[in-house]
Amino acid sequence: MHQISKQTIEKAQKHAQEALEQSKEVEQLAKSLQINDQIGEEQKERILANIETMHKHAQKFQDLVYRLAEDPSTDVYSEAIKEHIKVNEAHMKVNKEFQNIEPPA
């Protein structure tokens, strides 16, 4: 059975931490927009739902890459990568919503 190298695990752990931090930063940005009433209620709900999805998958991604330290199997690594993809998909949806925000008049 093939195992993931320690170097790859360390890089994945660092990347997972960055993904989790990024989801928190995006959440803070969304909250600042809400405070300034720059987004409507529907758009706010879509943004927050996608941020929640992003954060959930970032946390799963992080949990899985830390599990690699004990089980460096390709199966666990593959699960982690799938979660990373889901983080990116949710992030792209949030970015699309941000691009649709009308600037203040």
PDB file of N, CA and C in Angstrom:
ATOM      1  N   MET A   1       0.839  -1.186   0.000  1.00  0.00           N
ATOM      2  CA  MET A   1       0.000   0.000   0.000  1.00  0.00           C
ATOM      3  C   MET A   1       0.883   1.249   0.000  1.00  0.00           C
ATOM      4  N   HIS A   2       0.560   2.184  -0.859  1.00  0.00           N
ATOM      5  CA  HIS A   2       1.318   3.428  -0.953  1.00  0.00           C
ATOM      6  C   HIS A   2       0.953   4.361   0.199  1.00  0.00           C
ATOM      7  N   GLN A   3       1.965   5.041   0.724  1.00  0.00           N
ATOM      8  CA  GLN A   3       1.716   5.992   1.803  1.00  0.00           C
ATOM      9  C   GLN A   3       2.186   7.385   1.383  1.00  0.00           C
ATOM     10  N   ILE A   4       1.529   8.381   1.943  1.00  0.00           N
ATOM     11  CA  ILE A   4       1.842   9.773   1.644  1.00  0.00           C
ATOM     12  C   ILE A   4       3.081  10.171   2.436  1.00  0.00           C
ATOM     13  N   SER A   5       3.991  10.893   1.792  1.00  0.00           N
ATOM     14  CA  SER A   5       5.239  11.278   2.453  1.00  0.00           C
ATOM     15  C   SER A   5       5.002  12.305   3.551  1.00  0.00           C
ATOM     16  N   LYS A   6       5.921  12.331   4.498  1.00  0.00           N
ATOM     17  CA  LYS A   6       5.835  13.279   5.609  1.00  0.00           C
ATOM     18  C   LYS A   6       5.845  14.717   5.079  1.00  0.00           C
ATOM     19  N   GLN A   7       6.657  14.985   4.076  1.00  0.00           N
ATOM     20  CA  GLN A   7       6.736  16.326   3.489  1.00  0.00           C
ATOM     21  C   GLN A   7       5.398  16.739   2.877  1.00  0.00           C
ATOM     22  N   THR A   8       4.753  15.829   2.174  1.00  0.00           N
ATOM     23  CA  THR A   8       3.447  16.122   1.578  1.00  0.00           C
ATOM     24  C   THR A   8       2.406  16.366   2.663  1.00  0.00           C
ATOM     25  N   ILE A   9       2.450  15.576   3.720  1.00  0.00           N
ATOM     26  CA  ILE A   9       1.524  15.749   4.837  1.00  0.00           C
ATOM     27  C   ILE A   9       1.704  17.123   5.470  1.00  0.00           C
ATOM     28  N   GLU A  10       2.955  17.525   5.694  1.00  0.00           N
ATOM     29  CA  GLU A  10       3.227  18.837   6.300  1.00  0.00           C
ATOM     30  C   GLU A  10       2.715  19.968   5.412  1.00  0.00           C
ATOM     31  N   LYS A  11       2.921  19.853   4.112  1.00  0.00           N
ATOM     32  CA  LYS A  11       2.422  20.876   3.184  1.00  0.00           C
ATOM     33  C   LYS A  11       0.896  20.913   3.198  1.00  0.00           C
ATOM     34  N   ALA A  12       0.275  19.743   3.227  1.00  0.00           N
ATOM     35  CA  ALA A  12      -1.183  19.677   3.253  1.00  0.00           C
ATOM     36  C   ALA A  12      -1.734  20.279   4.545  1.00  0.00           C
ATOM     37  N   GLN A  13      -1.063  20.030   5.664  1.00  0.00           N
ATOM     38  CA  GLN A  13      -1.498  20.590   6.942  1.00  0.00           C
ATOM     39  C   GLN A  13      -1.423  22.116   6.913  1.00  0.00           C
ATOM     40  N   LYS A  14      -0.344  22.638   6.364  1.00  0.00           N
ATOM     41  CA  LYS A  14      -0.194  24.089   6.262  1.00  0.00           C
ATOM     42  C   LYS A  14      -1.286  24.656   5.347  1.00  0.00           C
ATOM     43  N   HIS A  15      -1.529  23.996   4.262  1.00  0.00           N
ATOM     44  CA  HIS A  15      -2.527  24.456   3.299  1.00  0.00           C
ATOM     45  C   HIS A  15      -3.932  24.410   3.900  1.00  0.00           C
ATOM     46  N   ALA A  16      -4.213  23.367   4.677  1.00  0.00           N
ATOM     47  CA  ALA A  16      -5.526  23.247   5.321  1.00  0.00           C
ATOM     48  C   ALA A  16      -5.729  24.370   6.333  1.00  0.00           C
ATOM     49  N   GLN A  17      -4.683  24.705   7.070  1.00  0.00           N
ATOM     50  CA  GLN A  17      -4.779  25.808   8.027  1.00  0.00           C
ATOM     51  C   GLN A  17      -5.041  27.123   7.294  1.00  0.00           C
ATOM     52  N   GLU A  18      -4.381  27.324   6.174  1.00  0.00           N
ATOM     53  CA  GLU A  18      -4.605  28.531   5.378  1.00  0.00           C
ATOM     54  C   GLU A  18      -6.037  28.589   4.844  1.00  0.00           C
ATOM     55  N   ALA A  19      -6.577  27.441   4.429  1.00  0.00           N
ATOM     56  CA  ALA A  19      -7.956  27.399   3.925  1.00  0.00           C
ATOM     57  C   ALA A  19      -8.944  27.767   5.026  1.00  0.00           C
ATOM     58  N   LEU A  20      -8.690  27.275   6.229  1.00  0.00           N
ATOM     59  CA  LEU A  20      -9.564  27.584   7.356  1.00  0.00           C
ATOM     60  C   LEU A  20      -9.487  29.073   7.703  1.00  0.00           C
ATOM     61  N   GLU A  21      -8.280  29.616   7.724  1.00  0.00           N
ATOM     62  CA  GLU A  21      -8.107  31.049   8.001  1.00  0.00           C
ATOM     63  C   GLU A  21      -8.778  31.892   6.921  1.00  0.00           C
ATOM     64  N   GLN A  22      -8.646  31.460   5.686  1.00  0.00           N
ATOM     65  CA  GLN A  22      -9.255  32.198   4.577  1.00  0.00           C
ATOM     66  C   GLN A  22     -10.773  32.204   4.703  1.00  0.00           C
ATOM     67  N   SER A  23     -11.363  31.090   5.122  1.00  0.00           N
ATOM     68  CA  SER A  23     -12.825  31.063   5.281  1.00  0.00           C
ATOM     69  C   SER A  23     -13.258  32.043   6.363  1.00  0.00           C
ATOM     70  N   LYS A  24     -12.447  32.190   7.391  1.00  0.00           N
ATOM     71  CA  LYS A  24     -12.759  33.147   8.461  1.00  0.00           C
ATOM     72  C   LYS A  24     -12.620  34.589   7.955  1.00  0.00           C
ATOM     73  N   GLU A  25     -11.617  34.845   7.130  1.00  0.00           N
ATOM     74  CA  GLU A  25     -11.433  36.185   6.572  1.00  0.00           C
ATOM     75  C   GLU A  25     -12.588  36.563   5.650  1.00  0.00           C
ATOM     76  N   VAL A  26     -13.043  35.613   4.846  1.00  0.00           N
ATOM     77  CA  VAL A  26     -14.167  35.870   3.946  1.00  0.00           C
ATOM     78  C   VAL A  26     -15.419  36.160   4.771  1.00  0.00           C
ATOM     79  N   GLU A  27     -15.591  35.432   5.861  1.00  0.00           N
ATOM     80  CA  GLU A  27     -16.735  35.662   6.741  1.00  0.00           C
ATOM     81  C   GLU A  27     -16.695  37.076   7.328  1.00  0.00           C
ATOM     82  N   GLN A  28     -15.525  37.529   7.735  1.00  0.00           N
ATOM     83  CA  GLN A  28     -15.387  38.884   8.278  1.00  0.00           C
ATOM     84  C   GLN A  28     -15.710  39.931   7.216  1.00  0.00           C
ATOM     85  N   LEU A  29     -15.277  39.688   6.001  1.00  0.00           N
ATOM     86  CA  LEU A  29     -15.589  40.609   4.902  1.00  0.00           C
ATOM     87  C   LEU A  29     -17.096  40.685   4.691  1.00  0.00           C
ATOM     88  N   ALA A  30     -17.754  39.544   4.679  1.00  0.00           N
ATOM     89  CA  ALA A  30     -19.210  39.520   4.482  1.00  0.00           C
ATOM     90  C   ALA A  30     -19.911  40.269   5.605  1.00  0.00           C
ATOM     91  N   LYS A  31     -19.433  40.096   6.826  1.00  0.00           N
ATOM     92  CA  LYS A  31     -20.045  40.793   7.961  1.00  0.00           C
ATOM     93  C   LYS A  31     -19.870  42.303   7.831  1.00  0.00           C
ATOM     94  N   SER A  32     -18.725  42.743   7.332  1.00  0.00           N
ATOM     95  CA  SER A  32     -18.515  44.181   7.174  1.00  0.00           C
ATOM     96  C   SER A  32     -19.441  44.749   6.108  1.00  0.00           C
ATOM     97  N   LEU A  33     -19.740  43.963   5.086  1.00  0.00           N
ATOM     98  CA  LEU A  33     -20.670  44.413   4.052  1.00  0.00           C
ATOM     99  C   LEU A  33     -22.081  44.525   4.611  1.00  0.00           C
ATOM    100  N   GLN A  34     -22.456  43.590   5.475  1.00  0.00           N
ATOM    101  CA  GLN A  34     -23.775  43.638   6.090  1.00  0.00           C
ATOM    102  C   GLN A  34     -23.933  44.897   6.935  1.00  0.00           C
ATOM    103  N   ILE A  35     -22.900  45.218   7.664  1.00  0.00           N
ATOM    104  CA  ILE A  35     -22.938  46.394   8.534  1.00  0.00           C
ATOM    105  C   ILE A  35     -23.167  47.651   7.708  1.00  0.00           C
ATOM    106  N   ASN A  36     -22.569  47.700   6.550  1.00  0.00           N
ATOM    107  CA  ASN A  36     -22.673  48.871   5.686  1.00  0.00           C
ATOM    108  C   ASN A  36     -23.897  48.815   4.770  1.00  0.00           C
ATOM    109  N   ASP A  37     -24.743  47.817   4.928  1.00  0.00           N
ATOM    110  CA  ASP A  37     -25.955  47.652   4.119  1.00  0.00           C
ATOM    111  C   ASP A  37     -25.669  47.695   2.616  1.00  0.00           C
ATOM    112  N   GLN A  38     -24.568  47.102   2.215  1.00  0.00           N
ATOM    113  CA  GLN A  38     -24.221  47.084   0.799  1.00  0.00           C
ATOM    114  C   GLN A  38     -24.814  45.888   0.067  1.00  0.00           C
ATOM    115  N   ILE A  39     -25.443  44.982   0.806  1.00  0.00           N
ATOM    116  CA  ILE A  39     -26.024  43.817   0.161  1.00  0.00           C
ATOM    117  C   ILE A  39     -27.457  43.623   0.653  1.00  0.00           C
ATOM    118  N   GLY A  40     -28.274  43.066  -0.233  1.00  0.00           N
ATOM    119  CA  GLY A  40     -29.658  42.775   0.115  1.00  0.00           C
ATOM    120  C   GLY A  40     -29.759  41.498   0.931  1.00  0.00           C
ATOM    121  N   GLU A  41     -30.923  41.280   1.475  1.00  0.00           N
ATOM    122  CA  GLU A  41     -31.150  40.126   2.355  1.00  0.00           C
ATOM    123  C   GLU A  41     -30.918  38.794   1.644  1.00  0.00           C
ATOM    124  N   GLU A  42     -31.441  38.648   0.421  1.00  0.00           N
ATOM    125  CA  GLU A  42     -31.266  37.393  -0.324  1.00  0.00           C
ATOM    126  C   GLU A  42     -29.803  37.112  -0.619  1.00  0.00           C
ATOM    127  N   GLN A  43     -29.119  38.141  -1.071  1.00  0.00           N
ATOM    128  CA  GLN A  43     -27.699  37.980  -1.401  1.00  0.00           C
ATOM    129  C   GLN A  43     -26.907  37.674  -0.135  1.00  0.00           C
ATOM    130  N   LYS A  44     -27.254  38.331   0.949  1.00  0.00           N
ATOM    131  CA  LYS A  44     -26.577  38.085   2.229  1.00  0.00           C
ATOM    132  C   LYS A  44     -26.735  36.621   2.632  1.00  0.00           C
ATOM    133  N   GLU A  45     -27.950  36.084   2.486  1.00  0.00           N
ATOM    134  CA  GLU A  45     -28.199  34.690   2.848  1.00  0.00           C
ATOM    135  C   GLU A  45     -27.393  33.730   1.979  1.00  0.00           C
ATOM    136  N   ARG A  46     -27.314  34.019   0.682  1.00  0.00           N
ATOM    137  CA  ARG A  46     -26.519  33.169  -0.213  1.00  0.00           C
ATOM    138  C   ARG A  46     -25.044  33.215   0.166  1.00  0.00           C
ATOM    139  N   ILE A  47     -24.553  34.407   0.426  1.00  0.00           N
ATOM    140  CA  ILE A  47     -23.143  34.561   0.800  1.00  0.00           C
ATOM    141  C   ILE A  47     -22.859  33.808   2.091  1.00  0.00           C
ATOM    142  N   LEU A  48     -23.691  34.011   3.097  1.00  0.00           N
ATOM    143  CA  LEU A  48     -23.461  33.358   4.385  1.00  0.00           C
ATOM    144  C   LEU A  48     -23.568  31.838   4.288  1.00  0.00           C
ATOM    145  N   ALA A  49     -24.500  31.347   3.469  1.00  0.00           N
ATOM    146  CA  ALA A  49     -24.624  29.899   3.290  1.00  0.00           C
ATOM    147  C   ALA A  49     -23.364  29.323   2.643  1.00  0.00           C
ATOM    148  N   ASN A  50     -22.843  30.026   1.648  1.00  0.00           N
ATOM    149  CA  ASN A  50     -21.625  29.548   0.991  1.00  0.00           C
ATOM    150  C   ASN A  50     -20.412  29.668   1.899  1.00  0.00           C
ATOM    151  N   ILE A  51     -20.374  30.692   2.723  1.00  0.00           N
ATOM    152  CA  ILE A  51     -19.269  30.818   3.683  1.00  0.00           C
ATOM    153  C   ILE A  51     -19.337  29.691   4.700  1.00  0.00           C
ATOM    154  N   GLU A  52     -20.538  29.367   5.145  1.00  0.00           N
ATOM    155  CA  GLU A  52     -20.697  28.263   6.089  1.00  0.00           C
ATOM    156  C   GLU A  52     -20.227  26.946   5.460  1.00  0.00           C
ATOM    157  N   THR A  53     -20.592  26.737   4.202  1.00  0.00           N
ATOM    158  CA  THR A  53     -20.141  25.543   3.483  1.00  0.00           C
ATOM    159  C   THR A  53     -18.619  25.546   3.355  1.00  0.00           C
ATOM    160  N   MET A  54     -18.067  26.674   3.008  1.00  0.00           N
ATOM    161  CA  MET A  54     -16.621  26.810   2.867  1.00  0.00           C
ATOM    162  C   MET A  54     -15.925  26.472   4.185  1.00  0.00           C
ATOM    163  N   HIS A  55     -16.439  27.035   5.261  1.00  0.00           N
ATOM    164  CA  HIS A  55     -15.829  26.815   6.576  1.00  0.00           C
ATOM    165  C   HIS A  55     -15.948  25.344   7.000  1.00  0.00           C
ATOM    166  N   LYS A  56     -17.119  24.742   6.775  1.00  0.00           N
ATOM    167  CA  LYS A  56     -17.347  23.343   7.143  1.00  0.00           C
ATOM    168  C   LYS A  56     -16.357  22.428   6.424  1.00  0.00           C
ATOM    169  N   HIS A  57     -16.186  22.646   5.128  1.00  0.00           N
ATOM    170  CA  HIS A  57     -15.277  21.795   4.369  1.00  0.00           C
ATOM    171  C   HIS A  57     -13.811  22.103   4.688  1.00  0.00           C
ATOM    172  N   ALA A  58     -13.512  23.349   5.011  1.00  0.00           N
ATOM    173  CA  ALA A  58     -12.144  23.685   5.429  1.00  0.00           C
ATOM    174  C   ALA A  58     -11.801  22.960   6.728  1.00  0.00           C
ATOM    175  N   GLN A  59     -12.768  22.894   7.632  1.00  0.00           N
ATOM    176  CA  GLN A  59     -12.538  22.190   8.894  1.00  0.00           C
ATOM    177  C   GLN A  59     -12.354  20.690   8.650  1.00  0.00           C
ATOM    178  N   LYS A  60     -13.172  20.117   7.778  1.00  0.00           N
ATOM    179  CA  LYS A  60     -13.026  18.694   7.442  1.00  0.00           C
ATOM    180  C   LYS A  60     -11.681  18.437   6.772  1.00  0.00           C
ATOM    181  N   PHE A  61     -11.298  19.344   5.880  1.00  0.00           N
ATOM    182  CA  PHE A  61     -10.009  19.242   5.200  1.00  0.00           C
ATOM    183  C   PHE A  61      -8.887  19.218   6.236  1.00  0.00           C
ATOM    184  N   GLN A  62      -8.947  20.145   7.172  1.00  0.00           N
ATOM    185  CA  GLN A  62      -7.922  20.205   8.209  1.00  0.00           C
ATOM    186  C   GLN A  62      -7.919  18.936   9.059  1.00  0.00           C
ATOM    187  N   ASP A  63      -9.084  18.478   9.460  1.00  0.00           N
ATOM    188  CA  ASP A  63      -9.167  17.256  10.274  1.00  0.00           C
ATOM    189  C   ASP A  63      -8.545  16.064   9.545  1.00  0.00           C
ATOM    190  N   LEU A  64      -8.832  15.958   8.261  1.00  0.00           N
ATOM    191  CA  LEU A  64      -8.308  14.831   7.491  1.00  0.00           C
ATOM    192  C   LEU A  64      -6.799  14.900   7.309  1.00  0.00           C
ATOM    193  N   VAL A  65      -6.259  16.073   7.040  1.00  0.00           N
ATOM    194  CA  VAL A  65      -4.807  16.128   6.841  1.00  0.00           C
ATOM    195  C   VAL A  65      -4.060  15.895   8.154  1.00  0.00           C
ATOM    196  N   TYR A  66      -4.655  16.260   9.273  1.00  0.00           N
ATOM    197  CA  TYR A  66      -4.013  15.948  10.546  1.00  0.00           C
ATOM    198  C   TYR A  66      -4.148  14.464  10.867  1.00  0.00           C
ATOM    199  N   ARG A  67      -5.210  13.846  10.376  1.00  0.00           N
ATOM    200  CA  ARG A  67      -5.350  12.392  10.529  1.00  0.00           C
ATOM    201  C   ARG A  67      -4.274  11.656   9.743  1.00  0.00           C
ATOM    202  N   LEU A  68      -3.770  12.286   8.690  1.00  0.00           N
ATOM    203  CA  LEU A  68      -2.704  11.679   7.881  1.00  0.00           C
ATOM    204  C   LEU A  68      -1.451  11.391   8.693  1.00  0.00           C
ATOM    205  N   ALA A  69      -1.217  12.152   9.742  1.00  0.00           N
ATOM    206  CA  ALA A  69      -0.035  11.920  10.576  1.00  0.00           C
ATOM    207  C   ALA A  69      -0.066  10.510  11.176  1.00  0.00           C
ATOM    208  N   GLU A  70      -1.269  10.016  11.448  1.00  0.00           N
ATOM    209  CA  GLU A  70      -1.400   8.677  12.024  1.00  0.00           C
ATOM    210  C   GLU A  70      -1.718   7.624  10.967  1.00  0.00           C
ATOM    211  N   ASP A  71      -2.364   8.047   9.901  1.00  0.00           N
ATOM    212  CA  ASP A  71      -2.746   7.129   8.833  1.00  0.00           C
ATOM    213  C   ASP A  71      -2.407   7.775   7.491  1.00  0.00           C
ATOM    214  N   PRO A  72      -1.143   7.665   7.066  1.00  0.00           N
ATOM    215  CA  PRO A  72      -0.704   8.343   5.832  1.00  0.00           C
ATOM    216  C   PRO A  72      -1.115   7.607   4.553  1.00  0.00           C
ATOM    217  N   SER A  73      -2.309   7.058   4.561  1.00  0.00           N
ATOM    218  CA  SER A  73      -2.774   6.292   3.398  1.00  0.00           C
ATOM    219  C   SER A  73      -3.263   7.216   2.288  1.00  0.00           C
ATOM    220  N   THR A  74      -3.258   6.679   1.098  1.00  0.00           N
ATOM    221  CA  THR A  74      -3.768   7.444  -0.038  1.00  0.00           C
ATOM    222  C   THR A  74      -5.281   7.632   0.078  1.00  0.00           C
ATOM    223  N   ASP A  75      -5.958   6.738   0.777  1.00  0.00           N
ATOM    224  CA  ASP A  75      -7.405   6.889   0.972  1.00  0.00           C
ATOM    225  C   ASP A  75      -7.731   8.147   1.774  1.00  0.00           C
ATOM    226  N   VAL A  76      -7.034   8.345   2.879  1.00  0.00           N
ATOM    227  CA  VAL A  76      -7.268   9.532   3.705  1.00  0.00           C
ATOM    228  C   VAL A  76      -6.860  10.782   2.937  1.00  0.00           C
ATOM    229  N   TYR A  77      -5.743  10.705   2.236  1.00  0.00           N
ATOM    230  CA  TYR A  77      -5.278  11.844   1.449  1.00  0.00           C
ATOM    231  C   TYR A  77      -6.304  12.209   0.375  1.00  0.00           C
ATOM    232  N   SER A  78      -6.857  11.207  -0.270  1.00  0.00           N
ATOM    233  CA  SER A  78      -7.870  11.433  -1.302  1.00  0.00           C
ATOM    234  C   SER A  78      -9.115  12.102  -0.710  1.00  0.00           C
ATOM    235  N   GLU A  79      -9.535  11.672   0.473  1.00  0.00           N
ATOM    236  CA  GLU A  79     -10.669  12.310   1.153  1.00  0.00           C
ATOM    237  C   GLU A  79     -10.362  13.775   1.440  1.00  0.00           C
ATOM    238  N   ALA A  80      -9.143  14.035   1.886  1.00  0.00           N
ATOM    239  CA  ALA A  80      -8.738  15.409   2.195  1.00  0.00           C
ATOM    240  C   ALA A  80      -8.785  16.278   0.943  1.00  0.00           C
ATOM    241  N   ILE A  81      -8.307  15.760  -0.156  1.00  0.00           N
ATOM    242  CA  ILE A  81      -8.306  16.508  -1.416  1.00  0.00           C
ATOM    243  C   ILE A  81      -9.738  16.810  -1.857  1.00  0.00           C
ATOM    244  N   LYS A  82     -10.639  15.864  -1.689  1.00  0.00           N
ATOM    245  CA  LYS A  82     -12.042  16.088  -2.045  1.00  0.00           C
ATOM    246  C   LYS A  82     -12.632  17.232  -1.213  1.00  0.00           C
ATOM    247  N   GLU A  83     -12.273  17.279   0.061  1.00  0.00           N
ATOM    248  CA  GLU A  83     -12.758  18.374   0.908  1.00  0.00           C
ATOM    249  C   GLU A  83     -12.156  19.701   0.457  1.00  0.00           C
ATOM    250  N   HIS A  84     -10.904  19.676   0.057  1.00  0.00           N
ATOM    251  CA  HIS A  84     -10.252  20.888  -0.431  1.00  0.00           C
ATOM    252  C   HIS A  84     -10.959  21.410  -1.676  1.00  0.00           C
ATOM    253  N   ILE A  85     -11.342  20.521  -2.551  1.00  0.00           N
ATOM    254  CA  ILE A  85     -12.084  20.908  -3.755  1.00  0.00           C
ATOM    255  C   ILE A  85     -13.406  21.565  -3.367  1.00  0.00           C
ATOM    256  N   LYS A  86     -14.085  21.008  -2.380  1.00  0.00           N
ATOM    257  CA  LYS A  86     -15.359  21.577  -1.926  1.00  0.00           C
ATOM    258  C   LYS A  86     -15.156  22.963  -1.311  1.00  0.00           C
ATOM    259  N   VAL A  87     -14.045  23.168  -0.615  1.00  0.00           N
ATOM    260  CA  VAL A  87     -13.717  24.498  -0.087  1.00  0.00           C
ATOM    261  C   VAL A  87     -13.595  25.478  -1.242  1.00  0.00           C
ATOM    262  N   ASN A  88     -12.849  25.084  -2.262  1.00  0.00           N
ATOM    263  CA  ASN A  88     -12.629  25.961  -3.412  1.00  0.00           C
ATOM    264  C   ASN A  88     -13.925  26.257  -4.160  1.00  0.00           C
ATOM    265  N   GLU A  89     -14.786  25.258  -4.305  1.00  0.00           N
ATOM    266  CA  GLU A  89     -16.059  25.474  -4.985  1.00  0.00           C
ATOM    267  C   GLU A  89     -16.921  26.490  -4.233  1.00  0.00           C
ATOM    268  N   ALA A  90     -16.991  26.339  -2.914  1.00  0.00           N
ATOM    269  CA  ALA A  90     -17.770  27.289  -2.112  1.00  0.00           C
ATOM    270  C   ALA A  90     -17.158  28.679  -2.178  1.00  0.00           C
ATOM    271  N   HIS A  91     -15.830  28.755  -2.171  1.00  0.00           N
ATOM    272  CA  HIS A  91     -15.143  30.043  -2.251  1.00  0.00           C
ATOM    273  C   HIS A  91     -15.445  30.725  -3.578  1.00  0.00           C
ATOM    274  N   MET A  92     -15.475  29.966  -4.654  1.00  0.00           N
ATOM    275  CA  MET A  92     -15.798  30.550  -5.958  1.00  0.00           C
ATOM    276  C   MET A  92     -17.224  31.097  -5.976  1.00  0.00           C
ATOM    277  N   LYS A  93     -18.151  30.391  -5.328  1.00  0.00           N
ATOM    278  CA  LYS A  93     -19.535  30.874  -5.255  1.00  0.00           C
ATOM    279  C   LYS A  93     -19.609  32.183  -4.464  1.00  0.00           C
ATOM    280  N   VAL A  94     -18.869  32.255  -3.365  1.00  0.00           N
ATOM    281  CA  VAL A  94     -18.849  33.492  -2.576  1.00  0.00           C
ATOM    282  C   VAL A  94     -18.264  34.624  -3.409  1.00  0.00           C
ATOM    283  N   ASN A  95     -17.173  34.355  -4.103  1.00  0.00           N
ATOM    284  CA  ASN A  95     -16.559  35.386  -4.939  1.00  0.00           C
ATOM    285  C   ASN A  95     -17.521  35.872  -6.015  1.00  0.00           C
ATOM    286  N   LYS A  96     -18.279  34.961  -6.592  1.00  0.00           N
ATOM    287  CA  LYS A  96     -19.253  35.348  -7.615  1.00  0.00           C
ATOM    288  C   LYS A  96     -20.304  36.278  -7.005  1.00  0.00           C
ATOM    289  N   GLU A  97     -20.757  35.964  -5.812  1.00  0.00           N
ATOM    290  CA  GLU A  97     -21.718  36.831  -5.123  1.00  0.00           C
ATOM    291  C   GLU A  97     -21.102  38.196  -4.833  1.00  0.00           C
ATOM    292  N   PHE A  98     -19.869  38.217  -4.389  1.00  0.00           N
ATOM    293  CA  PHE A  98     -19.195  39.488  -4.118  1.00  0.00           C
ATOM    294  C   PHE A  98     -19.097  40.336  -5.386  1.00  0.00           C
ATOM    295  N   GLN A  99     -18.850  39.691  -6.514  1.00  0.00           N
ATOM    296  CA  GLN A  99     -18.741  40.419  -7.779  1.00  0.00           C
ATOM    297  C   GLN A  99     -20.076  41.038  -8.187  1.00  0.00           C
ATOM    298  N   ASN A 100     -21.173  40.477  -7.700  1.00  0.00           N
ATOM    299  CA  ASN A 100     -22.499  40.998  -8.058  1.00  0.00           C
ATOM    300  C   ASN A 100     -22.998  42.088  -7.117  1.00  0.00           C
ATOM    301  N   ILE A 101     -22.185  42.462  -6.160  1.00  0.00           N
ATOM    302  CA  ILE A 101     -22.592  43.523  -5.233  1.00  0.00           C
ATOM    303  C   ILE A 101     -22.534  44.870  -5.951  1.00  0.00           C
ATOM    304  N   GLU A 102     -23.621  45.571  -5.877  1.00  0.00           N
ATOM    305  CA  GLU A 102     -23.690  46.895  -6.490  1.00  0.00           C
ATOM    306  C   GLU A 102     -22.960  47.891  -5.583  1.00  0.00           C
ATOM    307  N   PRO A 103     -22.105  48.715  -6.185  1.00  0.00           N
ATOM    308  CA  PRO A 103     -21.412  49.723  -5.361  1.00  0.00           C
ATOM    309  C   PRO A 103     -22.422  50.743  -4.825  1.00  0.00           C
ATOM    310  N   PRO A 104     -22.120  51.326  -3.675  1.00  0.00           N
ATOM    311  CA  PRO A 104     -23.035  52.330  -3.122  1.00  0.00           C
ATOM    312  C   PRO A 104     -23.167  53.514  -4.063  1.00  0.00           C
ATOM    313  N   ALA A 105     -24.342  54.096  -4.083  1.00  0.00           N
ATOM    314  CA  ALA A 105     -24.600  55.225  -4.976  1.00  0.00           C
ATOM    315  C   ALA A 105     -23.950  56.495  -4.490  1.00  0.00           C
TER     316      ALA A 105
END
